[in-house]
Each structure stands twice: as C-alpha cells, then as structure tokens.
mmCIF file of all heavy atoms, coordinates in Angstrom:
data_MODEL
# 
_entry.id   MODEL 
# 
loop_
_atom_site.group_PDB 
_atom_site.id 
_atom_site.type_symbol 
_atom_site.label_atom_id 
_atom_site.label_alt_id 
_atom_site.label_comp_id 
_atom_site.label_asym_id 
_atom_site.label_entity_id 
_atom_site.label_seq_id 
_atom_site.pdbx_PDB_ins_code 
_atom_site.Cartn_x 
_atom_site.Cartn_y 
_atom_site.Cartn_z 
_atom_site.occupancy 
_atom_site.B_iso_or_equiv 
_atom_site.pdbx_formal_charge 
_atom_site.auth_seq_id 
_atom_site.auth_comp_id 
_atom_site.auth_asym_id 
_atom_site.auth_atom_id 
_atom_site.pdbx_PDB_model_num 
ATOM 1   N N   . VAL A 1 1  ? 5.754  8.772   2.928   1.00 0.00 ? 1  VAL A N   1 
ATOM 2   C CA  . VAL A 1 1  ? 5.843  8.360   1.498   1.00 0.00 ? 1  VAL A CA  1 
ATOM 3   C C   . VAL A 1 1  ? 4.560  7.683   1.087   1.00 0.00 ? 1  VAL A C   1 
ATOM 4   O O   . VAL A 1 1  ? 4.179  6.672   1.723   1.00 0.00 ? 1  VAL A O   1 
ATOM 5   C CB  . VAL A 1 1  ? 7.097  7.419   1.287   1.00 0.00 ? 1  VAL A CB  1 
ATOM 6   C CG1 . VAL A 1 1  ? 7.253  7.135   -0.234  1.00 0.00 ? 1  VAL A CG1 1 
ATOM 7   C CG2 . VAL A 1 1  ? 8.349  8.047   1.876   1.00 0.00 ? 1  VAL A CG2 1 
ATOM 8   N N   . LYS A 1 2  ? 3.865  8.232   0.094   1.00 0.00 ? 2  LYS A N   1 
ATOM 9   C CA  . LYS A 1 2  ? 2.530  7.780   -0.227  1.00 0.00 ? 2  LYS A CA  1 
ATOM 10  C C   . LYS A 1 2  ? 2.404  7.334   -1.727  1.00 0.00 ? 2  LYS A C   1 
ATOM 11  O O   . LYS A 1 2  ? 2.708  8.129   -2.651  1.00 0.00 ? 2  LYS A O   1 
ATOM 12  C CB  . LYS A 1 2  ? 1.495  8.976   0.007   1.00 0.00 ? 2  LYS A CB  1 
ATOM 13  C CG  . LYS A 1 2  ? 1.469  9.392   1.443   1.00 0.00 ? 2  LYS A CG  1 
ATOM 14  C CD  . LYS A 1 2  ? 0.346  10.481  1.557   1.00 0.00 ? 2  LYS A CD  1 
ATOM 15  C CE  . LYS A 1 2  ? 0.141  10.842  2.992   1.00 0.00 ? 2  LYS A CE  1 
ATOM 16  N NZ  . LYS A 1 2  ? -1.047 11.802  3.108   1.00 0.00 ? 2  LYS A NZ  1 
ATOM 17  N N   . SER A 1 3  ? 1.966  6.169   -1.931  1.00 0.00 ? 3  SER A N   1 
ATOM 18  C CA  . SER A 1 3  ? 1.614  5.675   -3.249  1.00 0.00 ? 3  SER A CA  1 
ATOM 19  C C   . SER A 1 3  ? 0.424  6.420   -3.759  1.00 0.00 ? 3  SER A C   1 
ATOM 20  O O   . SER A 1 3  ? -0.539 6.570   -3.026  1.00 0.00 ? 3  SER A O   1 
ATOM 21  C CB  . SER A 1 3  ? 1.373  4.140   -3.246  1.00 0.00 ? 3  SER A CB  1 
ATOM 22  O OG  . SER A 1 3  ? 2.439  3.468   -2.752  1.00 0.00 ? 3  SER A OG  1 
ATOM 23  N N   . GLN A 1 4  ? 0.421  6.805   -5.036  1.00 0.00 ? 4  GLN A N   1 
ATOM 24  C CA  . GLN A 1 4  ? -0.653 7.520   -5.676  1.00 0.00 ? 4  GLN A CA  1 
ATOM 25  C C   . GLN A 1 4  ? -1.384 6.599   -6.620  1.00 0.00 ? 4  GLN A C   1 
ATOM 26  O O   . GLN A 1 4  ? -0.881 6.367   -7.671  1.00 0.00 ? 4  GLN A O   1 
ATOM 27  C CB  . GLN A 1 4  ? -0.166 8.793   -6.302  1.00 0.00 ? 4  GLN A CB  1 
ATOM 28  C CG  . GLN A 1 4  ? 0.524  9.773   -5.350  1.00 0.00 ? 4  GLN A CG  1 
ATOM 29  C CD  . GLN A 1 4  ? -0.449 10.420  -4.370  1.00 0.00 ? 4  GLN A CD  1 
ATOM 30  O OE1 . GLN A 1 4  ? -1.321 11.196  -4.707  1.00 0.00 ? 4  GLN A OE1 1 
ATOM 31  N NE2 . GLN A 1 4  ? -0.343 9.957   -3.108  1.00 0.00 ? 4  GLN A NE2 1 
ATOM 32  N N   . ILE A 1 5  ? -2.554 6.154   -6.199  1.00 0.00 ? 5  ILE A N   1 
ATOM 33  C CA  . ILE A 1 5  ? -3.523 5.391   -7.110  1.00 0.00 ? 5  ILE A CA  1 
ATOM 34  C C   . ILE A 1 5  ? -4.881 5.837   -6.858  1.00 0.00 ? 5  ILE A C   1 
ATOM 35  O O   . ILE A 1 5  ? -5.141 6.428   -5.818  1.00 0.00 ? 5  ILE A O   1 
ATOM 36  C CB  . ILE A 1 5  ? -3.352 3.818   -6.886  1.00 0.00 ? 5  ILE A CB  1 
ATOM 37  C CG1 . ILE A 1 5  ? -3.701 3.435   -5.493  1.00 0.00 ? 5  ILE A CG1 1 
ATOM 38  C CG2 . ILE A 1 5  ? -1.971 3.342   -7.258  1.00 0.00 ? 5  ILE A CG2 1 
ATOM 39  C CD1 . ILE A 1 5  ? -3.862 1.980   -5.275  1.00 0.00 ? 5  ILE A CD1 1 
ATOM 40  N N   . HIS A 1 6  ? -5.762 5.588   -7.783  1.00 0.00 ? 6  HIS A N   1 
ATOM 41  C CA  . HIS A 1 6  ? -7.161 5.976   -7.622  1.00 0.00 ? 6  HIS A CA  1 
ATOM 42  C C   . HIS A 1 6  ? -7.908 4.866   -6.778  1.00 0.00 ? 6  HIS A C   1 
ATOM 43  O O   . HIS A 1 6  ? -8.710 4.110   -7.386  1.00 0.00 ? 6  HIS A O   1 
ATOM 44  C CB  . HIS A 1 6  ? -7.874 6.141   -8.928  1.00 0.00 ? 6  HIS A CB  1 
ATOM 45  C CG  . HIS A 1 6  ? -7.483 7.396   -9.614  1.00 0.00 ? 6  HIS A CG  1 
ATOM 46  N ND1 . HIS A 1 6  ? -8.008 7.812   -10.857 1.00 0.00 ? 6  HIS A ND1 1 
ATOM 47  C CD2 . HIS A 1 6  ? -6.587 8.435   -9.295  1.00 0.00 ? 6  HIS A CD2 1 
ATOM 48  C CE1 . HIS A 1 6  ? -7.480 8.973   -11.203 1.00 0.00 ? 6  HIS A CE1 1 
ATOM 49  N NE2 . HIS A 1 6  ? -6.653 9.321   -10.258 1.00 0.00 ? 6  HIS A NE2 1 
ATOM 50  N N   . ALA A 1 7  ? -7.568 4.733   -5.595  1.00 0.00 ? 7  ALA A N   1 
ATOM 51  C CA  . ALA A 1 7  ? -8.275 3.795   -4.680  1.00 0.00 ? 7  ALA A CA  1 
ATOM 52  C C   . ALA A 1 7  ? -7.981 4.152   -3.208  1.00 0.00 ? 7  ALA A C   1 
ATOM 53  O O   . ALA A 1 7  ? -6.912 4.670   -2.909  1.00 0.00 ? 7  ALA A O   1 
ATOM 54  C CB  . ALA A 1 7  ? -7.737 2.379   -4.920  1.00 0.00 ? 7  ALA A CB  1 
ATOM 55  N N   . GLY A 1 8  ? -8.966 3.821   -2.362  1.00 0.00 ? 8  GLY A N   1 
ATOM 56  C CA  . GLY A 1 8  ? -8.776 4.081   -1.002  1.00 0.00 ? 8  GLY A CA  1 
ATOM 57  C C   . GLY A 1 8  ? -8.162 2.864   -0.304  1.00 0.00 ? 8  GLY A C   1 
ATOM 58  O O   . GLY A 1 8  ? -7.864 1.857   -0.875  1.00 0.00 ? 8  GLY A O   1 
ATOM 59  N N   . GLY A 1 9  ? -7.877 3.039   0.986   1.00 0.00 ? 9  GLY A N   1 
ATOM 60  C CA  . GLY A 1 9  ? -7.250 1.940   1.777   1.00 0.00 ? 9  GLY A CA  1 
ATOM 61  C C   . GLY A 1 9  ? -5.787 1.715   1.458   1.00 0.00 ? 9  GLY A C   1 
ATOM 62  O O   . GLY A 1 9  ? -5.337 0.600   1.693   1.00 0.00 ? 9  GLY A O   1 
ATOM 63  N N   . ARG A 1 10 ? -5.102 2.695   1.019   1.00 0.00 ? 10 ARG A N   1 
ATOM 64  C CA  . ARG A 1 10 ? -3.673 2.456   0.610   1.00 0.00 ? 10 ARG A CA  1 
ATOM 65  C C   . ARG A 1 10 ? -2.784 2.145   1.818   1.00 0.00 ? 10 ARG A C   1 
ATOM 66  O O   . ARG A 1 10 ? -1.929 1.298   1.686   1.00 0.00 ? 10 ARG A O   1 
ATOM 67  C CB  . ARG A 1 10 ? -3.163 3.796   -0.035  1.00 0.00 ? 10 ARG A CB  1 
ATOM 68  C CG  . ARG A 1 10 ? -3.785 4.068   -1.420  1.00 0.00 ? 10 ARG A CG  1 
ATOM 69  C CD  . ARG A 1 10 ? -3.311 5.484   -1.902  1.00 0.00 ? 10 ARG A CD  1 
ATOM 70  N NE  . ARG A 1 10 ? -3.905 6.524   -1.024  1.00 0.00 ? 10 ARG A NE  1 
ATOM 71  C CZ  . ARG A 1 10 ? -3.432 7.716   -0.915  1.00 0.00 ? 10 ARG A CZ  1 
ATOM 72  N NH1 . ARG A 1 10 ? -2.345 8.046   -1.583  1.00 0.00 ? 10 ARG A NH1 1 
ATOM 73  N NH2 . ARG A 1 10 ? -3.938 8.647   -0.094  1.00 0.00 ? 10 ARG A NH2 1 
ATOM 74  N N   . GLY A 1 11 ? -3.100 2.745   2.944   1.00 0.00 ? 11 GLY A N   1 
ATOM 75  C CA  . GLY A 1 11 ? -2.247 2.497   4.173   1.00 0.00 ? 11 GLY A CA  1 
ATOM 76  C C   . GLY A 1 11 ? -2.348 1.078   4.621   1.00 0.00 ? 11 GLY A C   1 
ATOM 77  O O   . GLY A 1 11 ? -1.377 0.531   5.149   1.00 0.00 ? 11 GLY A O   1 
ATOM 78  N N   . SER A 1 12 ? -3.502 0.494   4.432   1.00 0.00 ? 12 SER A N   1 
ATOM 79  C CA  . SER A 1 12 ? -3.714 -0.943  4.985   1.00 0.00 ? 12 SER A CA  1 
ATOM 80  C C   . SER A 1 12 ? -3.555 -1.910  3.823   1.00 0.00 ? 12 SER A C   1 
ATOM 81  O O   . SER A 1 12 ? -3.783 -3.199  4.054   1.00 0.00 ? 12 SER A O   1 
ATOM 82  C CB  . SER A 1 12 ? -5.081 -1.083  5.605   1.00 0.00 ? 12 SER A CB  1 
ATOM 83  O OG  . SER A 1 12 ? -6.124 -0.690  4.678   1.00 0.00 ? 12 SER A OG  1 
ATOM 84  N N   . GLY A 1 13 ? -3.215 -1.469  2.631   1.00 0.00 ? 13 GLY A N   1 
ATOM 85  C CA  . GLY A 1 13 ? -3.011 -2.407  1.530   1.00 0.00 ? 13 GLY A CA  1 
ATOM 86  C C   . GLY A 1 13 ? -1.634 -3.125  1.609   1.00 0.00 ? 13 GLY A C   1 
ATOM 87  O O   . GLY A 1 13 ? -0.920 -2.994  2.528   1.00 0.00 ? 13 GLY A O   1 
ATOM 88  N N   . TYR A 1 14 ? -1.332 -3.821  0.482   1.00 0.00 ? 14 TYR A N   1 
ATOM 89  C CA  . TYR A 1 14 ? -0.100 -4.508  0.324   1.00 0.00 ? 14 TYR A CA  1 
ATOM 90  C C   . TYR A 1 14 ? 0.392  -4.541  -1.105  1.00 0.00 ? 14 TYR A C   1 
ATOM 91  O O   . TYR A 1 14 ? -0.446 -4.383  -2.010  1.00 0.00 ? 14 TYR A O   1 
ATOM 92  C CB  . TYR A 1 14 ? -0.144 -5.930  0.892   1.00 0.00 ? 14 TYR A CB  1 
ATOM 93  C CG  . TYR A 1 14 ? -1.092 -6.812  0.201   1.00 0.00 ? 14 TYR A CG  1 
ATOM 94  C CD1 . TYR A 1 14 ? -0.632 -7.598  -0.947  1.00 0.00 ? 14 TYR A CD1 1 
ATOM 95  C CD2 . TYR A 1 14 ? -2.391 -6.949  0.490   1.00 0.00 ? 14 TYR A CD2 1 
ATOM 96  C CE1 . TYR A 1 14 ? -1.443 -8.486  -1.675  1.00 0.00 ? 14 TYR A CE1 1 
ATOM 97  C CE2 . TYR A 1 14 ? -3.249 -7.807  -0.180  1.00 0.00 ? 14 TYR A CE2 1 
ATOM 98  C CZ  . TYR A 1 14 ? -2.751 -8.546  -1.250  1.00 0.00 ? 14 TYR A CZ  1 
ATOM 99  O OH  . TYR A 1 14 ? -3.643 -9.332  -1.962  1.00 0.00 ? 14 TYR A OH  1 
ATOM 100 N N   . PHE A 1 15 ? 1.648  -4.693  -1.327  1.00 0.00 ? 15 PHE A N   1 
ATOM 101 C CA  . PHE A 1 15 ? 2.210  -4.811  -2.711  1.00 0.00 ? 15 PHE A CA  1 
ATOM 102 C C   . PHE A 1 15 ? 2.267  -6.271  -3.054  1.00 0.00 ? 15 PHE A C   1 
ATOM 103 O O   . PHE A 1 15 ? 2.559  -7.137  -2.293  1.00 0.00 ? 15 PHE A O   1 
ATOM 104 C CB  . PHE A 1 15 ? 3.553  -4.164  -2.749  1.00 0.00 ? 15 PHE A CB  1 
ATOM 105 C CG  . PHE A 1 15 ? 3.535  -2.620  -2.698  1.00 0.00 ? 15 PHE A CG  1 
ATOM 106 C CD1 . PHE A 1 15 ? 3.673  -1.986  -1.465  1.00 0.00 ? 15 PHE A CD1 1 
ATOM 107 C CD2 . PHE A 1 15 ? 3.334  -1.926  -3.886  1.00 0.00 ? 15 PHE A CD2 1 
ATOM 108 C CE1 . PHE A 1 15 ? 3.630  -0.582  -1.396  1.00 0.00 ? 15 PHE A CE1 1 
ATOM 109 C CE2 . PHE A 1 15 ? 3.295  -0.490  -3.803  1.00 0.00 ? 15 PHE A CE2 1 
ATOM 110 C CZ  . PHE A 1 15 ? 3.434  0.152   -2.582  1.00 0.00 ? 15 PHE A CZ  1 
ATOM 111 N N   . LEU A 1 16 ? 1.923  -6.525  -4.358  1.00 0.00 ? 16 LEU A N   1 
ATOM 112 C CA  . LEU A 1 16 ? 1.965  -7.921  -4.825  1.00 0.00 ? 16 LEU A CA  1 
ATOM 113 C C   . LEU A 1 16 ? 3.345  -8.476  -4.629  1.00 0.00 ? 16 LEU A C   1 
ATOM 114 O O   . LEU A 1 16 ? 4.365  -7.840  -4.828  1.00 0.00 ? 16 LEU A O   1 
ATOM 115 C CB  . LEU A 1 16 ? 1.694  -7.920  -6.351  1.00 0.00 ? 16 LEU A CB  1 
ATOM 116 C CG  . LEU A 1 16 ? 0.239  -7.814  -6.740  1.00 0.00 ? 16 LEU A CG  1 
ATOM 117 C CD1 . LEU A 1 16 ? 0.065  -7.875  -8.256  1.00 0.00 ? 16 LEU A CD1 1 
ATOM 118 C CD2 . LEU A 1 16 ? -0.703 -8.846  -6.124  1.00 0.00 ? 16 LEU A CD2 1 
ATOM 119 N N   . ASN A 1 17 ? 3.380  -9.756  -4.168  1.00 0.00 ? 17 ASN A N   1 
ATOM 120 C CA  . ASN A 1 17 ? 4.646  -10.490 -3.824  1.00 0.00 ? 17 ASN A CA  1 
ATOM 121 C C   . ASN A 1 17 ? 5.358  -9.962  -2.617  1.00 0.00 ? 17 ASN A C   1 
ATOM 122 O O   . ASN A 1 17 ? 6.484  -10.328 -2.321  1.00 0.00 ? 17 ASN A O   1 
ATOM 123 C CB  . ASN A 1 17 ? 5.582  -10.508 -5.059  1.00 0.00 ? 17 ASN A CB  1 
ATOM 124 C CG  . ASN A 1 17 ? 4.925  -11.124 -6.265  1.00 0.00 ? 17 ASN A CG  1 
ATOM 125 O OD1 . ASN A 1 17 ? 4.207  -12.102 -6.167  1.00 0.00 ? 17 ASN A OD1 1 
ATOM 126 N ND2 . ASN A 1 17 ? 5.115  -10.493 -7.425  1.00 0.00 ? 17 ASN A ND2 1 
ATOM 127 N N   . HIS A 1 18 ? 4.692  -9.003  -1.942  1.00 0.00 ? 18 HIS A N   1 
ATOM 128 C CA  . HIS A 1 18 ? 5.239  -8.447  -0.647  1.00 0.00 ? 18 HIS A CA  1 
ATOM 129 C C   . HIS A 1 18 ? 4.112  -8.330  0.403   1.00 0.00 ? 18 HIS A C   1 
ATOM 130 O O   . HIS A 1 18 ? 4.040  -7.309  1.016   1.00 0.00 ? 18 HIS A O   1 
ATOM 131 C CB  . HIS A 1 18 ? 5.925  -7.105  -0.924  1.00 0.00 ? 18 HIS A CB  1 
ATOM 132 C CG  . HIS A 1 18 ? 7.048  -7.159  -1.862  1.00 0.00 ? 18 HIS A CG  1 
ATOM 133 N ND1 . HIS A 1 18 ? 8.356  -7.431  -1.522  1.00 0.00 ? 18 HIS A ND1 1 
ATOM 134 C CD2 . HIS A 1 18 ? 7.047  -6.996  -3.244  1.00 0.00 ? 18 HIS A CD2 1 
ATOM 135 C CE1 . HIS A 1 18 ? 9.161  -7.433  -2.555  1.00 0.00 ? 18 HIS A CE1 1 
ATOM 136 N NE2 . HIS A 1 18 ? 8.387  -7.134  -3.567  1.00 0.00 ? 18 HIS A NE2 1 
ATOM 137 N N   . GLU A 1 19 ? 3.294  -9.367  0.508   1.00 0.00 ? 19 GLU A N   1 
ATOM 138 C CA  . GLU A 1 19 ? 2.134  -9.326  1.275   1.00 0.00 ? 19 GLU A CA  1 
ATOM 139 C C   . GLU A 1 19 ? 2.376  -9.043  2.769   1.00 0.00 ? 19 GLU A C   1 
ATOM 140 O O   . GLU A 1 19 ? 1.468  -8.461  3.431   1.00 0.00 ? 19 GLU A O   1 
ATOM 141 C CB  . GLU A 1 19 ? 1.319  -10.644 1.162   1.00 0.00 ? 19 GLU A CB  1 
ATOM 142 C CG  . GLU A 1 19 ? 0.604  -10.852 -0.114  1.00 0.00 ? 19 GLU A CG  1 
ATOM 143 C CD  . GLU A 1 19 ? 1.588  -11.283 -1.246  1.00 0.00 ? 19 GLU A CD  1 
ATOM 144 O OE1 . GLU A 1 19 ? 2.773  -11.433 -0.972  1.00 0.00 ? 19 GLU A OE1 1 
ATOM 145 O OE2 . GLU A 1 19 ? 1.091  -11.476 -2.407  1.00 0.00 ? 19 GLU A OE2 1 
ATOM 146 N N   . ASN A 1 20 ? 3.559  -9.318  3.298   1.00 0.00 ? 20 ASN A N   1 
ATOM 147 C CA  . ASN A 1 20 ? 3.814  -9.155  4.674   1.00 0.00 ? 20 ASN A CA  1 
ATOM 148 C C   . ASN A 1 20 ? 4.469  -7.804  4.967   1.00 0.00 ? 20 ASN A C   1 
ATOM 149 O O   . ASN A 1 20 ? 4.761  -7.473  6.148   1.00 0.00 ? 20 ASN A O   1 
ATOM 150 C CB  . ASN A 1 20 ? 4.697  -10.312 5.205   1.00 0.00 ? 20 ASN A CB  1 
ATOM 151 C CG  . ASN A 1 20 ? 3.976  -11.620 5.114   1.00 0.00 ? 20 ASN A CG  1 
ATOM 152 O OD1 . ASN A 1 20 ? 2.798  -11.724 5.356   1.00 0.00 ? 20 ASN A OD1 1 
ATOM 153 N ND2 . ASN A 1 20 ? 4.736  -12.651 4.776   1.00 0.00 ? 20 ASN A ND2 1 
ATOM 154 N N   . ASP A 1 21 ? 4.775  -7.024  3.974   1.00 0.00 ? 21 ASP A N   1 
ATOM 155 C CA  . ASP A 1 21 ? 5.380  -5.723  4.173   1.00 0.00 ? 21 ASP A CA  1 
ATOM 156 C C   . ASP A 1 21 ? 4.316  -4.655  4.572   1.00 0.00 ? 21 ASP A C   1 
ATOM 157 O O   . ASP A 1 21 ? 3.144  -4.940  4.528   1.00 0.00 ? 21 ASP A O   1 
ATOM 158 C CB  . ASP A 1 21 ? 6.046  -5.291  2.854   1.00 0.00 ? 21 ASP A CB  1 
ATOM 159 C CG  . ASP A 1 21 ? 7.440  -5.864  2.712   1.00 0.00 ? 21 ASP A CG  1 
ATOM 160 O OD1 . ASP A 1 21 ? 7.848  -6.672  3.627   1.00 0.00 ? 21 ASP A OD1 1 
ATOM 161 O OD2 . ASP A 1 21 ? 8.113  -5.624  1.735   1.00 0.00 ? 21 ASP A OD2 1 
ATOM 162 N N   . LYS A 1 22 ? 4.820  -3.501  4.883   1.00 0.00 ? 22 LYS A N   1 
ATOM 163 C CA  . LYS A 1 22 ? 3.980  -2.373  5.201   1.00 0.00 ? 22 LYS A CA  1 
ATOM 164 C C   . LYS A 1 22 ? 3.134  -1.968  3.929   1.00 0.00 ? 22 LYS A C   1 
ATOM 165 O O   . LYS A 1 22 ? 3.499  -2.436  2.861   1.00 0.00 ? 22 LYS A O   1 
ATOM 166 C CB  . LYS A 1 22 ? 4.785  -1.229  5.688   1.00 0.00 ? 22 LYS A CB  1 
ATOM 167 C CG  . LYS A 1 22 ? 5.538  -1.455  7.016   1.00 0.00 ? 22 LYS A CG  1 
ATOM 168 C CD  . LYS A 1 22 ? 6.503  -0.382  7.281   1.00 0.00 ? 22 LYS A CD  1 
ATOM 169 C CE  . LYS A 1 22 ? 7.720  -0.382  6.347   1.00 0.00 ? 22 LYS A CE  1 
ATOM 170 N NZ  . LYS A 1 22 ? 8.782  0.587   6.751   1.00 0.00 ? 22 LYS A NZ  1 
ATOM 171 N N   . GLY A 1 23 ? 2.076  -1.171  4.155   1.00 0.00 ? 23 GLY A N   1 
ATOM 172 C CA  . GLY A 1 23 ? 1.227  -0.830  3.020   1.00 0.00 ? 23 GLY A CA  1 
ATOM 173 C C   . GLY A 1 23 ? 1.791  0.280   2.142   1.00 0.00 ? 23 GLY A C   1 
ATOM 174 O O   . GLY A 1 23 ? 2.964  0.464   2.054   1.00 0.00 ? 23 GLY A O   1 
ATOM 175 N N   . GLY A 1 24 ? 0.915  0.963   1.470   1.00 0.00 ? 24 GLY A N   1 
ATOM 176 C CA  . GLY A 1 24 ? 1.306  1.962   0.430   1.00 0.00 ? 24 GLY A CA  1 
ATOM 177 C C   . GLY A 1 24 ? 1.471  3.357   1.033   1.00 0.00 ? 24 GLY A C   1 
ATOM 178 O O   . GLY A 1 24 ? 1.705  4.303   0.171   1.00 0.00 ? 24 GLY A O   1 
ATOM 179 N N   . VAL A 1 25 ? 1.410  3.528   2.274   1.00 0.00 ? 25 VAL A N   1 
ATOM 180 C CA  . VAL A 1 25 ? 1.637  4.809   2.972   1.00 0.00 ? 25 VAL A CA  1 
ATOM 181 C C   . VAL A 1 25 ? 2.652  4.510   4.146   1.00 0.00 ? 25 VAL A C   1 
ATOM 182 O O   . VAL A 1 25 ? 2.319  3.770   5.087   1.00 0.00 ? 25 VAL A O   1 
ATOM 183 C CB  . VAL A 1 25 ? 0.425  5.475   3.500   1.00 0.00 ? 25 VAL A CB  1 
ATOM 184 C CG1 . VAL A 1 25 ? 0.757  6.745   4.255   1.00 0.00 ? 25 VAL A CG1 1 
ATOM 185 C CG2 . VAL A 1 25 ? -0.590 5.732   2.394   1.00 0.00 ? 25 VAL A CG2 1 
ATOM 186 N N   . ARG A 1 26 ? 3.861  5.105   4.054   1.00 0.00 ? 26 ARG A N   1 
ATOM 187 C CA  . ARG A 1 26 ? 4.857  4.691   4.932   1.00 0.00 ? 26 ARG A CA  1 
ATOM 188 C C   . ARG A 1 26 ? 5.624  5.868   5.636   1.00 0.00 ? 26 ARG A C   1 
ATOM 189 O O   . ARG A 1 26 ? 5.995  6.854   4.886   1.00 0.00 ? 26 ARG A O   1 
ATOM 190 C CB  . ARG A 1 26 ? 5.968  3.809   4.315   1.00 0.00 ? 26 ARG A CB  1 
ATOM 191 C CG  . ARG A 1 26 ? 5.336  2.507   3.649   1.00 0.00 ? 26 ARG A CG  1 
ATOM 192 C CD  . ARG A 1 26 ? 6.320  1.598   3.077   1.00 0.00 ? 26 ARG A CD  1 
ATOM 193 N NE  . ARG A 1 26 ? 5.649  0.436   2.552   1.00 0.00 ? 26 ARG A NE  1 
ATOM 194 C CZ  . ARG A 1 26 ? 6.334  -0.601  1.980   1.00 0.00 ? 26 ARG A CZ  1 
ATOM 195 N NH1 . ARG A 1 26 ? 7.647  -0.632  1.986   1.00 0.00 ? 26 ARG A NH1 1 
ATOM 196 N NH2 . ARG A 1 26 ? 5.656  -1.637  1.527   1.00 0.00 ? 26 ARG A NH2 1 
# 
C-alpha cells in the first residue's frame, strides 16, 4: 500500500501525529 505524493523517501517517512508508526509504503 503506497501513499502517492510528489516526494521521495515515502517508505522511511512518517505521518503527522503518528511519528512512531510505519512510513508511507506498507
């Protein structure tokens, strides 16, 4: 499951207010 935004590093990123969760590629 992949978040689609115009930016790299999605897999190692985090969602606001969910900093300890997995990134944007799961």
